[in-house]
Amino acid sequence: PARAAMVTEQMPRILDVLNSYLHALEPHQLEEAGALARLRGQMLRR
């Protein structure tokens, strides 16, 4: 809760990272079993 305001200020940077990552994906990567868990981990790491 103490860092929520700082994270909200960084929203343009967050959107840029997520947009770049999601745009680089191929459709077959999204259709694989367990894809959502793998993508979530990759996005959280970034």
All heavy atoms as atom14 arrays in JSON, in Angstrom:
{
  "sequence": "PARAAMVTEQMPRILDVLNSYLHALEPHQLEEAGALARLRGQMLRR",
  "atom14_mask": [
    [1, 1, 1, 1, 1, 1, 1, 0, 0, 0, 0, 0, 0, 0],
    [1, 1, 1, 1, 1, 0, 0, 0, 0, 0, 0, 0, 0, 0],
    [1, 1, 1, 1, 1, 1, 1, 1, 1, 1, 1, 0, 0, 0],
    [1, 1, 1, 1, 1, 0, 0, 0, 0, 0, 0, 0, 0, 0],
    [1, 1, 1, 1, 1, 0, 0, 0, 0, 0, 0, 0, 0, 0],
    [1, 1, 1, 1, 1, 1, 1, 1, 0, 0, 0, 0, 0, 0],
    [1, 1, 1, 1, 1, 1, 1, 0, 0, 0, 0, 0, 0, 0],
    [1, 1, 1, 1, 1, 1, 1, 0, 0, 0, 0, 0, 0, 0],
    [1, 1, 1, 1, 1, 1, 1, 1, 1, 0, 0, 0, 0, 0],
    [1, 1, 1, 1, 1, 1, 1, 1, 1, 0, 0, 0, 0, 0],
    [1, 1, 1, 1, 1, 1, 1, 1, 0, 0, 0, 0, 0, 0],
    [1, 1, 1, 1, 1, 1, 1, 0, 0, 0, 0, 0, 0, 0],
    [1, 1, 1, 1, 1, 1, 1, 1, 1, 1, 1, 0, 0, 0],
    [1, 1, 1, 1, 1, 1, 1, 1, 0, 0, 0, 0, 0, 0],
    [1, 1, 1, 1, 1, 1, 1, 1, 0, 0, 0, 0, 0, 0],
    [1, 1, 1, 1, 1, 1, 1, 1, 0, 0, 0, 0, 0, 0],
    [1, 1, 1, 1, 1, 1, 1, 0, 0, 0, 0, 0, 0, 0],
    [1, 1, 1, 1, 1, 1, 1, 1, 0, 0, 0, 0, 0, 0],
    [1, 1, 1, 1, 1, 1, 1, 1, 0, 0, 0, 0, 0, 0],
    [1, 1, 1, 1, 1, 1, 0, 0, 0, 0, 0, 0, 0, 0],
    [1, 1, 1, 1, 1, 1, 1, 1, 1, 1, 1, 1, 0, 0],
    [1, 1, 1, 1, 1, 1, 1, 1, 0, 0, 0, 0, 0, 0],
    [1, 1, 1, 1, 1, 1, 1, 1, 1, 1, 0, 0, 0, 0],
    [1, 1, 1, 1, 1, 0, 0, 0, 0, 0, 0, 0, 0, 0],
    [1, 1, 1, 1, 1, 1, 1, 1, 0, 0, 0, 0, 0, 0],
    [1, 1, 1, 1, 1, 1, 1, 1, 1, 0, 0, 0, 0, 0],
    [1, 1, 1, 1, 1, 1, 1, 0, 0, 0, 0, 0, 0, 0],
    [1, 1, 1, 1, 1, 1, 1, 1, 1, 1, 0, 0, 0, 0],
    [1, 1, 1, 1, 1, 1, 1, 1, 1, 0, 0, 0, 0, 0],
    [1, 1, 1, 1, 1, 1, 1, 1, 0, 0, 0, 0, 0, 0],
    [1, 1, 1, 1, 1, 1, 1, 1, 1, 0, 0, 0, 0, 0],
    [1, 1, 1, 1, 1, 1, 1, 1, 1, 0, 0, 0, 0, 0],
    [1, 1, 1, 1, 1, 0, 0, 0, 0, 0, 0, 0, 0, 0],
    [1, 1, 1, 1, 0, 0, 0, 0, 0, 0, 0, 0, 0, 0],
    [1, 1, 1, 1, 1, 0, 0, 0, 0, 0, 0, 0, 0, 0],
    [1, 1, 1, 1, 1, 1, 1, 1, 0, 0, 0, 0, 0, 0],
    [1, 1, 1, 1, 1, 0, 0, 0, 0, 0, 0, 0, 0, 0],
    [1, 1, 1, 1, 1, 1, 1, 1, 1, 1, 1, 0, 0, 0],
    [1, 1, 1, 1, 1, 1, 1, 1, 0, 0, 0, 0, 0, 0],
    [1, 1, 1, 1, 1, 1, 1, 1, 1, 1, 1, 0, 0, 0],
    [1, 1, 1, 1, 0, 0, 0, 0, 0, 0, 0, 0, 0, 0],
    [1, 1, 1, 1, 1, 1, 1, 1, 1, 0, 0, 0, 0, 0],
    [1, 1, 1, 1, 1, 1, 1, 1, 0, 0, 0, 0, 0, 0],
    [1, 1, 1, 1, 1, 1, 1, 1, 0, 0, 0, 0, 0, 0],
    [1, 1, 1, 1, 1, 1, 1, 1, 1, 1, 1, 0, 0, 0],
    [1, 1, 1, 1, 1, 1, 1, 1, 1, 1, 1, 0, 0, 0]
  ],
  "atom14_positions": [
    [[0.8, -1.23, 0.0], [0.0, 0.0, 0.0], [0.84, 1.28, 0.0], [0.45, 2.29, -0.59], [-0.84, -0.1, 1.28], [-0.9, -1.54, 1.58], [0.38, -2.13, 1.08], [0.0, 0.0, 0.0], [0.0, 0.0, 0.0], [0.0, 0.0, 0.0], [0.0, 0.0, 0.0], [0.0, 0.0, 0.0], [0.0, 0.0, 0.0], [0.0, 0.0, 0.0]],
    [[2.01, 1.25, 0.61], [2.85, 2.45, 0.66], [3.45, 2.76, -0.71], [3.82, 3.91, -0.97], [3.97, 2.26, 1.67], [0.0, 0.0, 0.0], [0.0, 0.0, 0.0], [0.0, 0.0, 0.0], [0.0, 0.0, 0.0], [0.0, 0.0, 0.0], [0.0, 0.0, 0.0], [0.0, 0.0, 0.0], [0.0, 0.0, 0.0], [0.0, 0.0, 0.0]],
    [[3.52, 1.77, -1.58], [4.14, 1.98, -2.9], [3.12, 2.06, -4.03], [3.5, 2.12, -5.19], [5.12, 0.85, -3.17], [6.27, 0.84, -2.2], [7.28, -0.19, -2.58], [8.47, -0.02, -1.77], [9.01, -0.97, -1.05], [8.48, -2.17, -1.04], [10.1, -0.74, -0.35], [0.0, 0.0, 0.0], [0.0, 0.0, 0.0], [0.0, 0.0, 0.0]],
    [[1.85, 2.03, -3.73], [0.82, 2.04, -4.77], [0.86, 3.32, -5.6], [0.71, 3.27, -6.83], [-0.56, 1.87, -4.14], [0.0, 0.0, 0.0], [0.0, 0.0, 0.0], [0.0, 0.0, 0.0], [0.0, 0.0, 0.0], [0.0, 0.0, 0.0], [0.0, 0.0, 0.0], [0.0, 0.0, 0.0], [0.0, 0.0, 0.0], [0.0, 0.0, 0.0]],
    [[1.09, 4.46, -4.98], [1.13, 5.72, -5.72], [2.32, 5.75, -6.68], [2.2, 6.2, -7.83], [1.21, 6.9, -4.75], [0.0, 0.0, 0.0], [0.0, 0.0, 0.0], [0.0, 0.0, 0.0], [0.0, 0.0, 0.0], [0.0, 0.0, 0.0], [0.0, 0.0, 0.0], [0.0, 0.0, 0.0], [0.0, 0.0, 0.0], [0.0, 0.0, 0.0]],
    [[3.47, 5.23, -6.25], [4.65, 5.21, -7.11], [4.42, 4.28, -8.31], [4.81, 4.61, -9.43], [5.87, 4.73, -6.3], [7.21, 4.88, -6.98], [7.67, 3.69, -8.27], [7.33, 2.14, -7.53], [0.0, 0.0, 0.0], [0.0, 0.0, 0.0], [0.0, 0.0, 0.0], [0.0, 0.0, 0.0], [0.0, 0.0, 0.0], [0.0, 0.0, 0.0]],
    [[3.77, 3.15, -8.07], [3.5, 2.22, -9.17], [2.51, 2.84, -10.15], [2.66, 2.71, -11.37], [2.99, 0.87, -8.62], [2.51, -0.03, -9.75], [4.08, 0.18, -7.82], [0.0, 0.0, 0.0], [0.0, 0.0, 0.0], [0.0, 0.0, 0.0], [0.0, 0.0, 0.0], [0.0, 0.0, 0.0], [0.0, 0.0, 0.0], [0.0, 0.0, 0.0]],
    [[1.52, 3.56, -9.66], [0.55, 4.22, -10.53], [1.24, 5.28, -11.39], [0.89, 5.45, -12.57], [-0.57, 4.86, -9.69], [-1.15, 3.85, -8.87], [-1.63, 5.47, -10.57], [0.0, 0.0, 0.0], [0.0, 0.0, 0.0], [0.0, 0.0, 0.0], [0.0, 0.0, 0.0], [0.0, 0.0, 0.0], [0.0, 0.0, 0.0], [0.0, 0.0, 0.0]],
    [[2.21, 5.99, -10.85], [2.95, 6.99, -11.62], [3.75, 6.35, -12.75], [4.01, 6.99, -13.77], [3.9, 7.77, -10.71], [3.2, 8.68, -9.73], [4.18, 9.29, -8.74], [5.39, 9.01, -8.84], [3.72, 10.04, -7.86], [0.0, 0.0, 0.0], [0.0, 0.0, 0.0], [0.0, 0.0, 0.0], [0.0, 0.0, 0.0], [0.0, 0.0, 0.0]],
    [[4.15, 5.11, -12.58], [4.95, 4.41, -13.59], [4.09, 3.66, -14.6], [4.6, 2.84, -15.36], [5.88, 3.41, -12.88], [6.9, 4.04, -11.99], [7.93, 4.84, -12.78], [8.34, 4.43, -13.86], [8.32, 5.98, -12.26], [0.0, 0.0, 0.0], [0.0, 0.0, 0.0], [0.0, 0.0, 0.0], [0.0, 0.0, 0.0], [0.0, 0.0, 0.0]],
    [[2.79, 3.94, -14.67], [1.88, 3.21, -15.56], [2.29, 3.29, -17.03], [2.18, 2.29, -17.74], [0.44, 3.69, -15.36], [-0.58, 2.76, -16.0], [-0.46, 1.03, -15.47], [-0.9, 1.15, -13.75], [0.0, 0.0, 0.0], [0.0, 0.0, 0.0], [0.0, 0.0, 0.0], [0.0, 0.0, 0.0], [0.0, 0.0, 0.0], [0.0, 0.0, 0.0]],
    [[2.76, 4.43, -17.57], [3.2, 4.43, -18.98], [4.33, 3.43, -19.23], [4.34, 2.74, -20.26], [3.66, 5.87, -19.21], [2.91, 6.68, -18.22], [2.76, 5.79, -17.01], [0.0, 0.0, 0.0], [0.0, 0.0, 0.0], [0.0, 0.0, 0.0], [0.0, 0.0, 0.0], [0.0, 0.0, 0.0], [0.0, 0.0, 0.0], [0.0, 0.0, 0.0]],
    [[5.23, 3.31, -18.31], [6.33, 2.35, -18.45], [5.8, 0.91, -18.38], [6.22, 0.03, -19.13], [7.35, 2.58, -17.35], [8.61, 1.8, -17.5], [9.59, 2.24, -16.45], [9.9, 3.65, -16.66], [11.11, 4.12, -16.88], [12.13, 3.31, -16.88], [11.31, 5.39, -17.07], [0.0, 0.0, 0.0], [0.0, 0.0, 0.0], [0.0, 0.0, 0.0]],
    [[4.85, 0.66, -17.48], [4.24, -0.66, -17.35], [3.52, -1.04, -18.64], [3.67, -2.15, -19.16], [3.26, -0.67, -16.15], [4.03, -0.53, -14.85], [2.42, -1.93, -16.15], [3.16, -0.28, -13.64], [0.0, 0.0, 0.0], [0.0, 0.0, 0.0], [0.0, 0.0, 0.0], [0.0, 0.0, 0.0], [0.0, 0.0, 0.0], [0.0, 0.0, 0.0]],
    [[2.74, -0.1, -19.18], [2.01, -0.37, -20.42], [2.96, -0.63, -21.59], [2.71, -1.49, -22.44], [1.07, 0.79, -20.75], [-0.13, 0.93, -19.82], [-0.88, 2.22, -20.11], [-1.05, -0.27, -19.95], [0.0, 0.0, 0.0], [0.0, 0.0, 0.0], [0.0, 0.0, 0.0], [0.0, 0.0, 0.0], [0.0, 0.0, 0.0], [0.0, 0.0, 0.0]],
    [[4.07, 0.09, -21.63], [5.05, -0.11, -22.69], [5.66, -1.51, -22.63], [5.77, -2.19, -23.64], [6.15, 0.95, -22.59], [7.22, 0.75, -23.65], [6.87, 0.71, -24.84], [8.4, 0.62, -23.27], [0.0, 0.0, 0.0], [0.0, 0.0, 0.0], [0.0, 0.0, 0.0], [0.0, 0.0, 0.0], [0.0, 0.0, 0.0], [0.0, 0.0, 0.0]],
    [[6.03, -1.94, -21.44], [6.64, -3.27, -21.29], [5.65, -4.37, -21.66], [5.97, -5.3, -22.41], [7.14, -3.47, -19.84], [7.5, -4.91, -19.56], [8.32, -2.57, -19.59], [0.0, 0.0, 0.0], [0.0, 0.0, 0.0], [0.0, 0.0, 0.0], [0.0, 0.0, 0.0], [0.0, 0.0, 0.0], [0.0, 0.0, 0.0], [0.0, 0.0, 0.0]],
    [[4.42, -4.27, -21.17], [3.42, -5.3, -21.46], [3.02, -5.29, -22.93], [2.86, -6.35, -23.55], [2.19, -5.11, -20.57], [2.42, -5.35, -19.08], [1.15, -5.06, -18.3], [2.9, -6.76, -18.83], [0.0, 0.0, 0.0], [0.0, 0.0, 0.0], [0.0, 0.0, 0.0], [0.0, 0.0, 0.0], [0.0, 0.0, 0.0], [0.0, 0.0, 0.0]],
    [[2.85, -4.1, -23.49], [2.48, -3.99, -24.9], [3.56, -4.59, -25.8], [3.26, -5.33, -26.74], [2.24, -2.52, -25.25], [1.28, -2.34, -26.38], [0.87, -3.28, -27.02], [0.9, -1.1, -26.61], [0.0, 0.0, 0.0], [0.0, 0.0, 0.0], [0.0, 0.0, 0.0], [0.0, 0.0, 0.0], [0.0, 0.0, 0.0], [0.0, 0.0, 0.0]],
    [[4.81, -4.3, -25.52], [5.92, -4.83, -26.31], [5.98, -6.35, -26.22], [6.19, -7.04, -27.22], [7.25, -4.25, -25.84], [7.24, -2.86, -25.96], [0.0, 0.0, 0.0], [0.0, 0.0, 0.0], [0.0, 0.0, 0.0], [0.0, 0.0, 0.0], [0.0, 0.0, 0.0], [0.0, 0.0, 0.0], [0.0, 0.0, 0.0], [0.0, 0.0, 0.0]],
    [[5.81, -6.88, -25.03], [5.88, -8.32, -24.84], [4.71, -9.03, -25.54], [4.9, -10.02, -26.25], [5.9, -8.68, -23.36], [5.89, -10.17, -23.13], [7.01, -10.94, -23.42], [4.76, -10.81, -22.64], [7.0, -12.3, -23.23], [4.74, -12.17, -22.45], [5.87, -12.92, -22.75], [5.84, -14.27, -22.56], [0.0, 0.0, 0.0], [0.0, 0.0, 0.0]],
    [[3.49, -8.52, -25.34], [2.32, -9.17, -25.93], [2.33, -9.08, -27.46], [1.86, -9.99, -28.14], [1.04, -8.56, -25.36], [0.79, -8.85, -23.88], [-0.39, -8.02, -23.38], [0.57, -10.33, -23.65], [0.0, 0.0, 0.0], [0.0, 0.0, 0.0], [0.0, 0.0, 0.0], [0.0, 0.0, 0.0], [0.0, 0.0, 0.0], [0.0, 0.0, 0.0]],
    [[2.86, -8.0, -27.99], [2.91, -7.84, -29.44], [3.88, -8.83, -30.09], [3.69, -9.23, -31.23], [3.3, -6.41, -29.81], [3.18, -6.12, -31.26], [1.96, -6.05, -31.9], [4.13, -5.9, -32.21], [2.17, -5.79, -33.18], [3.48, -5.7, -33.4], [0.0, 0.0, 0.0], [0.0, 0.0, 0.0], [0.0, 0.0, 0.0], [0.0, 0.0, 0.0]],
    [[4.91, -9.24, -29.36], [5.91, -10.16, -29.91], [5.44, -11.61, -29.89], [6.11, -12.48, -30.47], [7.2, -10.03, -29.12], [0.0, 0.0, 0.0], [0.0, 0.0, 0.0], [0.0, 0.0, 0.0], [0.0, 0.0, 0.0], [0.0, 0.0, 0.0], [0.0, 0.0, 0.0], [0.0, 0.0, 0.0], [0.0, 0.0, 0.0], [0.0, 0.0, 0.0]],
    [[4.32, -11.91, -29.27], [3.84, -13.29, -29.18], [3.23, -13.76, -30.49], [2.68, -12.97, -31.25], [2.8, -13.42, -28.07], [3.29, -13.18, -26.66], [2.11, -13.22, -25.69], [4.32, -14.23, -26.27], [0.0, 0.0, 0.0], [0.0, 0.0, 0.0], [0.0, 0.0, 0.0], [0.0, 0.0, 0.0], [0.0, 0.0, 0.0], [0.0, 0.0, 0.0]],
    [[3.32, -15.06, -30.72], [2.69, -15.71, -31.86], [1.4, -16.37, -31.39], [1.29, -16.78, -30.23], [3.63, -16.77, -32.44], [4.89, -16.21, -33.04], [4.64, -15.38, -34.3], [3.69, -15.71, -35.06], [5.36, -14.4, -34.5], [0.0, 0.0, 0.0], [0.0, 0.0, 0.0], [0.0, 0.0, 0.0], [0.0, 0.0, 0.0], [0.0, 0.0, 0.0]],
    [[0.4, -16.51, -32.27], [-0.87, -17.12, -31.85], [-0.72, -18.54, -31.28], [-1.41, -18.9, -30.34], [-1.7, -17.14, -33.13], [-1.14, -16.04, -33.96], [0.31, -15.99, -33.64], [0.0, 0.0, 0.0], [0.0, 0.0, 0.0], [0.0, 0.0, 0.0], [0.0, 0.0, 0.0], [0.0, 0.0, 0.0], [0.0, 0.0, 0.0], [0.0, 0.0, 0.0]],
    [[0.19, -19.33, -31.82], [0.35, -20.7, -31.31], [0.89, -20.7, -29.88], [0.63, -21.63, -29.11], [1.25, -21.53, -32.23], [2.68, -21.08, -32.25], [3.59, -21.51, -31.32], [3.35, -20.26, -33.09], [4.77, -20.97, -31.58], [4.66, -20.19, -32.65], [0.0, 0.0, 0.0], [0.0, 0.0, 0.0], [0.0, 0.0, 0.0], [0.0, 0.0, 0.0]],
    [[1.62, -19.66, -29.48], [2.11, -19.58, -28.1], [0.97, -19.32, -27.12], [1.05, -19.71, -25.96], [3.15, -18.46, -27.97], [4.44, -18.74, -28.7], [5.38, -17.55, -28.66], [4.96, -16.43, -28.9], [6.64, -17.83, -28.35], [0.0, 0.0, 0.0], [0.0, 0.0, 0.0], [0.0, 0.0, 0.0], [0.0, 0.0, 0.0], [0.0, 0.0, 0.0]],
    [[-0.07, -18.67, -27.58], [-1.21, -18.36, -26.73], [-2.18, -19.53, -26.61], [-2.98, -19.59, -25.68], [-1.96, -17.14, -27.27], [-1.14, -15.86, -27.36], [-1.92, -14.78, -28.09], [-0.72, -15.4, -25.99], [0.0, 0.0, 0.0], [0.0, 0.0, 0.0], [0.0, 0.0, 0.0], [0.0, 0.0, 0.0], [0.0, 0.0, 0.0], [0.0, 0.0, 0.0]],
    [[-2.13, -20.46, -27.56], [-3.07, -21.57, -27.59], [-2.54, -22.82, -26.88], [-3.29, -23.76, -26.67], [-3.41, -21.91, -29.04], [-4.12, -20.77, -29.75], [-4.18, -20.95, -31.26], [-3.59, -21.93, -31.76], [-4.78, -20.1, -31.92], [0.0, 0.0, 0.0], [0.0, 0.0, 0.0], [0.0, 0.0, 0.0], [0.0, 0.0, 0.0], [0.0, 0.0, 0.0]],
    [[-1.28, -22.85, -26.51], [-0.68, -24.02, -25.86], [-1.26, -24.2, -24.45], [-1.71, -23.25, -23.83], [0.84, -23.86, -25.75], [1.54, -23.84, -27.08], [3.02, -23.51, -26.95], [3.47, -23.22, -25.82], [3.7, -23.52, -27.98], [0.0, 0.0, 0.0], [0.0, 0.0, 0.0], [0.0, 0.0, 0.0], [0.0, 0.0, 0.0], [0.0, 0.0, 0.0]],
    [[-1.22, -25.45, -23.99], [-1.67, -25.74, -22.63], [-0.7, -25.08, -21.64], [0.51, -25.15, -21.81], [-1.72, -27.24, -22.4], [0.0, 0.0, 0.0], [0.0, 0.0, 0.0], [0.0, 0.0, 0.0], [0.0, 0.0, 0.0], [0.0, 0.0, 0.0], [0.0, 0.0, 0.0], [0.0, 0.0, 0.0], [0.0, 0.0, 0.0], [0.0, 0.0, 0.0]],
    [[-1.22, -24.43, -20.65], [-0.38, -23.78, -19.64], [0.21, -22.46, -20.11], [1.12, -21.93, -19.49], [0.0, 0.0, 0.0], [0.0, 0.0, 0.0], [0.0, 0.0, 0.0], [0.0, 0.0, 0.0], [0.0, 0.0, 0.0], [0.0, 0.0, 0.0], [0.0, 0.0, 0.0], [0.0, 0.0, 0.0], [0.0, 0.0, 0.0], [0.0, 0.0, 0.0]],
    [[-0.29, -21.94, -21.23], [0.27, -20.72, -21.78], [0.04, -19.53, -20.84], [0.93, -18.69, -20.68], [-0.33, -20.43, -23.15], [0.0, 0.0, 0.0], [0.0, 0.0, 0.0], [0.0, 0.0, 0.0], [0.0, 0.0, 0.0], [0.0, 0.0, 0.0], [0.0, 0.0, 0.0], [0.0, 0.0, 0.0], [0.0, 0.0, 0.0], [0.0, 0.0, 0.0]],
    [[-1.12, -19.46, -20.24], [-1.44, -18.3, -19.4], [-0.51, -18.23, -18.18], [-0.04, -17.14, -17.84], [-2.9, -18.37, -18.96], [-3.45, -17.1, -18.32], [-3.34, -15.93, -19.28], [-4.89, -17.3, -17.92], [0.0, 0.0, 0.0], [0.0, 0.0, 0.0], [0.0, 0.0, 0.0], [0.0, 0.0, 0.0], [0.0, 0.0, 0.0], [0.0, 0.0, 0.0]],
    [[-0.21, -19.35, -17.57], [0.69, -19.35, -16.42], [2.11, -18.94, -16.85], [2.78, -18.18, -16.14], [0.72, -20.72, -15.76], [0.0, 0.0, 0.0], [0.0, 0.0, 0.0], [0.0, 0.0, 0.0], [0.0, 0.0, 0.0], [0.0, 0.0, 0.0], [0.0, 0.0, 0.0], [0.0, 0.0, 0.0], [0.0, 0.0, 0.0], [0.0, 0.0, 0.0]],
    [[2.56, -19.44, -17.98], [3.9, -19.08, -18.47], [3.97, -17.6, -18.83], [4.93, -16.91, -18.47], [4.25, -19.94, -19.69], [5.69, -19.78, -20.13], [6.02, -20.61, -21.36], [5.38, -20.04, -22.54], [4.33, -20.54, -23.18], [3.79, -21.66, -22.77], [3.82, -19.95, -24.23], [0.0, 0.0, 0.0], [0.0, 0.0, 0.0], [0.0, 0.0, 0.0]],
    [[2.95, -17.09, -19.51], [2.92, -15.67, -19.88], [2.86, -14.78, -18.64], [3.52, -13.74, -18.59], [1.72, -15.39, -20.78], [1.74, -16.07, -22.15], [0.42, -15.83, -22.86], [2.9, -15.6, -22.97], [0.0, 0.0, 0.0], [0.0, 0.0, 0.0], [0.0, 0.0, 0.0], [0.0, 0.0, 0.0], [0.0, 0.0, 0.0], [0.0, 0.0, 0.0]],
    [[2.08, -15.2, -17.66], [1.98, -14.42, -16.42], [3.34, -14.32, -15.75], [3.74, -13.26, -15.29], [0.98, -15.1, -15.5], [0.77, -14.39, -14.2], [-0.28, -15.17, -13.37], [-0.23, -14.75, -12.03], [0.58, -15.26, -11.09], [1.38, -16.23, -11.39], [0.55, -14.8, -9.87], [0.0, 0.0, 0.0], [0.0, 0.0, 0.0], [0.0, 0.0, 0.0]],
    [[4.06, -15.42, -15.69], [5.39, -15.41, -15.09], [6.36, -14.52, -15.85], [7.16, -13.78, -15.25], [0.0, 0.0, 0.0], [0.0, 0.0, 0.0], [0.0, 0.0, 0.0], [0.0, 0.0, 0.0], [0.0, 0.0, 0.0], [0.0, 0.0, 0.0], [0.0, 0.0, 0.0], [0.0, 0.0, 0.0], [0.0, 0.0, 0.0], [0.0, 0.0, 0.0]],
    [[6.31, -14.56, -17.19], [7.19, -13.73, -17.99], [6.87, -12.24, -17.8], [7.78, -11.42, -17.68], [7.05, -14.1, -19.48], [7.67, -15.42, -19.83], [9.18, -15.35, -19.78], [9.79, -14.34, -20.06], [9.78, -16.46, -19.4], [0.0, 0.0, 0.0], [0.0, 0.0, 0.0], [0.0, 0.0, 0.0], [0.0, 0.0, 0.0], [0.0, 0.0, 0.0]],
    [[5.58, -11.91, -17.78], [5.2, -10.51, -17.6], [5.57, -10.0, -16.21], [6.05, -8.88, -16.06], [3.7, -10.33, -17.87], [3.35, -10.46, -19.34], [1.62, -10.11, -19.69], [0.88, -11.67, -19.31], [0.0, 0.0, 0.0], [0.0, 0.0, 0.0], [0.0, 0.0, 0.0], [0.0, 0.0, 0.0], [0.0, 0.0, 0.0], [0.0, 0.0, 0.0]],
    [[5.37, -10.84, -15.2], [5.72, -10.44, -13.84], [7.23, -10.22, -13.72], [7.68, -9.26, -13.09], [5.26, -11.49, -12.83], [5.52, -11.19, -11.37], [4.84, -9.9, -10.94], [5.06, -12.35, -10.51], [0.0, 0.0, 0.0], [0.0, 0.0, 0.0], [0.0, 0.0, 0.0], [0.0, 0.0, 0.0], [0.0, 0.0, 0.0], [0.0, 0.0, 0.0]],
    [[8.01, -11.07, -14.34], [9.47, -10.9, -14.31], [9.88, -9.58, -14.96], [10.71, -8.85, -14.44], [10.14, -12.07, -15.03], [11.66, -12.04, -14.95], [12.27, -13.24, -15.63], [12.05, -13.27, -17.04], [12.8, -12.63, -17.94], [13.8, -11.89, -17.54], [12.54, -12.72, -19.23], [0.0, 0.0, 0.0], [0.0, 0.0, 0.0], [0.0, 0.0, 0.0]],
    [[9.26, -9.25, -16.09], [9.58, -7.99, -16.77], [9.16, -6.78, -15.94], [9.85, -5.77, -15.89], [8.92, -7.96, -18.14], [9.63, -8.84, -19.15], [8.82, -8.99, -20.42], [9.57, -9.58, -21.5], [9.91, -10.86, -21.58], [9.57, -11.68, -20.62], [10.6, -11.32, -22.6], [0.0, 0.0, 0.0], [0.0, 0.0, 0.0], [0.0, 0.0, 0.0]]
  ]
}
